[in-house]
């Protein structure tokens, strides 16, 4: 028959093994969570990079279209374009003169 001391020792060993297993499980869970966050952050960074590239391409295309439209207007109405450019320049000069 086992003594109370032997039972206590067995309970202590079982508790120690359970705590060690729990500690290993928490470490594995932490590692898995860190990997999941790393993958998720990488995907988010890729999505942001793709969005910025797309926006930059769209801005470039709109800028080119605007430039072509302005060039066409200048070809069609050179005198009006010159007058508009002069007026804008004069307005900017007046604004800076007041400061």
C-alpha atoms as a PDB file:
ATOM      1  CA  UNK A   1       0.000   0.000   0.000  1.00  0.00           C
ATOM      2  CA  UNK A   2       1.160   3.492  -0.837  1.00  0.00           C
ATOM      3  CA  UNK A   3       1.714   6.035   1.822  1.00  0.00           C
ATOM      4  CA  UNK A   4       0.306   9.539   1.778  1.00  0.00           C
ATOM      5  CA  UNK A   5       3.772  10.818   0.945  1.00  0.00           C
ATOM      6  CA  UNK A   6       3.956   8.556  -2.122  1.00  0.00           C
ATOM      7  CA  UNK A   7       0.488   9.707  -3.253  1.00  0.00           C
ATOM      8  CA  UNK A   8       1.519  13.325  -2.804  1.00  0.00           C
ATOM      9  CA  UNK A   9       4.694  12.696  -4.809  1.00  0.00           C
ATOM     10  CA  UNK A  10       2.675  11.060  -7.628  1.00  0.00           C
ATOM     11  CA  UNK A  11       0.206  13.963  -7.618  1.00  0.00           C
ATOM     12  CA  UNK A  12       3.115  16.423  -7.713  1.00  0.00           C
ATOM     13  CA  UNK A  13       4.704  14.589 -10.673  1.00  0.00           C
ATOM     14  CA  UNK A  14       1.364  14.499 -12.516  1.00  0.00           C
ATOM     15  CA  UNK A  15       0.813  18.213 -11.850  1.00  0.00           C
ATOM     16  CA  UNK A  16       4.351  18.994 -12.991  1.00  0.00           C
ATOM     17  CA  UNK A  17       3.802  17.028 -16.236  1.00  0.00           C
ATOM     18  CA  UNK A  18       0.488  18.790 -16.837  1.00  0.00           C
ATOM     19  CA  UNK A  19       2.062  22.213 -16.301  1.00  0.00           C
ATOM     20  CA  UNK A  20       4.934  21.325 -18.646  1.00  0.00           C
ATOM     21  CA  UNK A  21       2.475  20.168 -21.330  1.00  0.00           C
ATOM     22  CA  UNK A  22       0.422  23.322 -20.859  1.00  0.00           C
ATOM     23  CA  UNK A  23       3.556  25.436 -21.155  1.00  0.00           C
ATOM     24  CA  UNK A  24       4.498  23.673 -24.403  1.00  0.00           C
ATOM     25  CA  UNK A  25       0.979  24.141 -25.762  1.00  0.00           C
ATOM     26  CA  UNK A  26       1.028  27.866 -24.944  1.00  0.00           C
ATOM     27  CA  UNK A  27       4.427  28.222 -26.655  1.00  0.00           C
ATOM     28  CA  UNK A  28       3.153  26.397 -29.748  1.00  0.00           C
ATOM     29  CA  UNK A  29       0.011  28.534 -29.778  1.00  0.00           C
ATOM     30  CA  UNK A  30       2.077  31.720 -29.454  1.00  0.00           C
ATOM     31  CA  UNK A  31       4.286  30.614 -32.335  1.00  0.00           C
ATOM     32  CA  UNK A  32       1.250  29.810 -34.493  1.00  0.00           C
ATOM     33  CA  UNK A  33      -0.339  33.144 -33.658  1.00  0.00           C
ATOM     34  CA  UNK A  34       2.872  35.009 -34.496  1.00  0.00           C
ATOM     35  CA  UNK A  35       3.067  33.230 -37.864  1.00  0.00           C
ATOM     36  CA  UNK A  36      -0.577  34.044 -38.599  1.00  0.00           C
ATOM     37  CA  UNK A  37      -0.014  37.711 -37.776  1.00  0.00           C
ATOM     38  CA  UNK A  38       3.121  37.738 -39.931  1.00  0.00           C
ATOM     39  CA  UNK A  39       1.243  36.256 -42.902  1.00  0.00           C
ATOM     40  CA  UNK A  40      -1.697  38.612 -42.398  1.00  0.00           C
ATOM     41  CA  UNK A  41       0.594  41.637 -42.182  1.00  0.00           C
ATOM     42  CA  UNK A  42       2.375  40.537 -45.349  1.00  0.00           C
ATOM     43  CA  UNK A  43      -0.915  40.246 -47.187  1.00  0.00           C
ATOM     44  CA  UNK A  44      -2.036  43.645 -45.938  1.00  0.00           C
ATOM     45  CA  UNK A  45       1.266  45.196 -47.050  1.00  0.00           C
ATOM     46  CA  UNK A  46       0.873  43.610 -50.490  1.00  0.00           C
ATOM     47  CA  UNK A  47      -2.698  44.902 -50.751  1.00  0.00           C
ATOM     48  CA  UNK A  48      -1.596  48.406 -49.782  1.00  0.00           C
ATOM     49  CA  UNK A  49       1.305  48.317 -52.256  1.00  0.00           C
ATOM     50  CA  UNK A  50      -1.017  47.136 -55.036  1.00  0.00           C
ATOM     51  CA  UNK A  51      -3.529  49.865 -54.173  1.00  0.00           C
ATOM     52  CA  UNK A  52      -0.856  52.554 -54.251  1.00  0.00           C
ATOM     53  CA  UNK A  53       0.444  51.291 -57.603  1.00  0.00           C
ATOM     54  CA  UNK A  54      -3.075  51.271 -59.013  1.00  0.00           C
ATOM     55  CA  UNK A  55      -3.764  54.798 -57.738  1.00  0.00           C
ATOM     56  CA  UNK A  56      -0.455  56.058 -59.117  1.00  0.00           C
ATOM     57  CA  UNK A  57      -1.202  54.519 -62.513  1.00  0.00           C
ATOM     58  CA  UNK A  58      -4.683  56.076 -62.504  1.00  0.00           C
ATOM     59  CA  UNK A  59      -3.298  59.488 -61.578  1.00  0.00           C
ATOM     60  CA  UNK A  60      -0.660  59.203 -64.302  1.00  0.00           C
ATOM     61  CA  UNK A  61      -3.270  58.306 -66.905  1.00  0.00           C
ATOM     62  CA  UNK A  62      -5.576  61.146 -65.824  1.00  0.00           C
ATOM     63  CA  UNK A  63      -2.657  63.566 -65.831  1.00  0.00           C
ATOM     64  CA  UNK A  64      -1.693  62.518 -69.344  1.00  0.00           C
ATOM     65  CA  UNK A  65      -5.301  62.860 -70.514  1.00  0.00           C
ATOM     66  CA  UNK A  66      -5.510  66.327 -68.931  1.00  0.00           C
ATOM     67  CA  UNK A  67      -2.256  67.348 -70.580  1.00  0.00           C
ATOM     68  CA  UNK A  68      -3.519  66.187 -73.966  1.00  0.00           C
ATOM     69  CA  UNK A  69      -6.807  68.051 -73.463  1.00  0.00           C
ATOM     70  CA  UNK A  70      -4.959  71.251 -72.559  1.00  0.00           C
ATOM     71  CA  UNK A  71      -2.672  70.901 -75.571  1.00  0.00           C
ATOM     72  CA  UNK A  72      -5.705  70.402 -77.814  1.00  0.00           C
ATOM     73  CA  UNK A  73      -7.407  73.483 -76.380  1.00  0.00           C
ATOM     74  CA  UNK A  74      -4.260  75.572 -76.910  1.00  0.00           C
ATOM     75  CA  UNK A  75      -4.063  74.388 -80.543  1.00  0.00           C
ATOM     76  CA  UNK A  76      -7.733  75.203 -81.153  1.00  0.00           C
ATOM     77  CA  UNK A  77      -7.792  78.557 -79.321  1.00  0.00           C
ATOM     78  CA  UNK A  78      -4.262  79.933 -79.039  1.00  0.00           C
ATOM     79  CA  UNK A  79      -5.251  83.560 -78.361  1.00  0.00           C
ATOM     80  CA  UNK A  80      -7.745  82.648 -75.622  1.00  0.00           C
ATOM     81  CA  UNK A  81      -5.207  80.279 -74.073  1.00  0.00           C
ATOM     82  CA  UNK A  82      -2.530  82.987 -74.049  1.00  0.00           C
ATOM     83  CA  UNK A  83      -4.978  85.452 -72.489  1.00  0.00           C
ATOM     84  CA  UNK A  84      -5.984  82.893 -69.818  1.00  0.00           C
ATOM     85  CA  UNK A  85      -2.333  82.103 -68.991  1.00  0.00           C
ATOM     86  CA  UNK A  86      -1.514  85.822 -68.746  1.00  0.00           C
ATOM     87  CA  UNK A  87      -4.522  86.391 -66.453  1.00  0.00           C
ATOM     88  CA  UNK A  88      -3.564  83.552 -64.147  1.00  0.00           C
ATOM     89  CA  UNK A  89       0.029  84.786 -64.004  1.00  0.00           C
ATOM     90  CA  UNK A  90      -1.133  88.298 -63.200  1.00  0.00           C
ATOM     91  CA  UNK A  91      -3.441  87.023 -60.471  1.00  0.00           C
ATOM     92  CA  UNK A  92      -0.631  84.985 -58.886  1.00  0.00           C
ATOM     93  CA  UNK A  93       1.711  87.984 -59.054  1.00  0.00           C
ATOM     94  CA  UNK A  94      -0.879  90.160 -57.292  1.00  0.00           C
ATOM     95  CA  UNK A  95      -1.419  87.567 -54.586  1.00  0.00           C
ATOM     96  CA  UNK A  96       2.306  87.330 -53.842  1.00  0.00           C
ATOM     97  CA  UNK A  97       2.778  91.093 -54.015  1.00  0.00           C
ATOM     98  CA  UNK A  98       0.357  91.609 -51.113  1.00  0.00           C
ATOM     99  CA  UNK A  99       2.378  89.368 -48.790  1.00  0.00           C
END
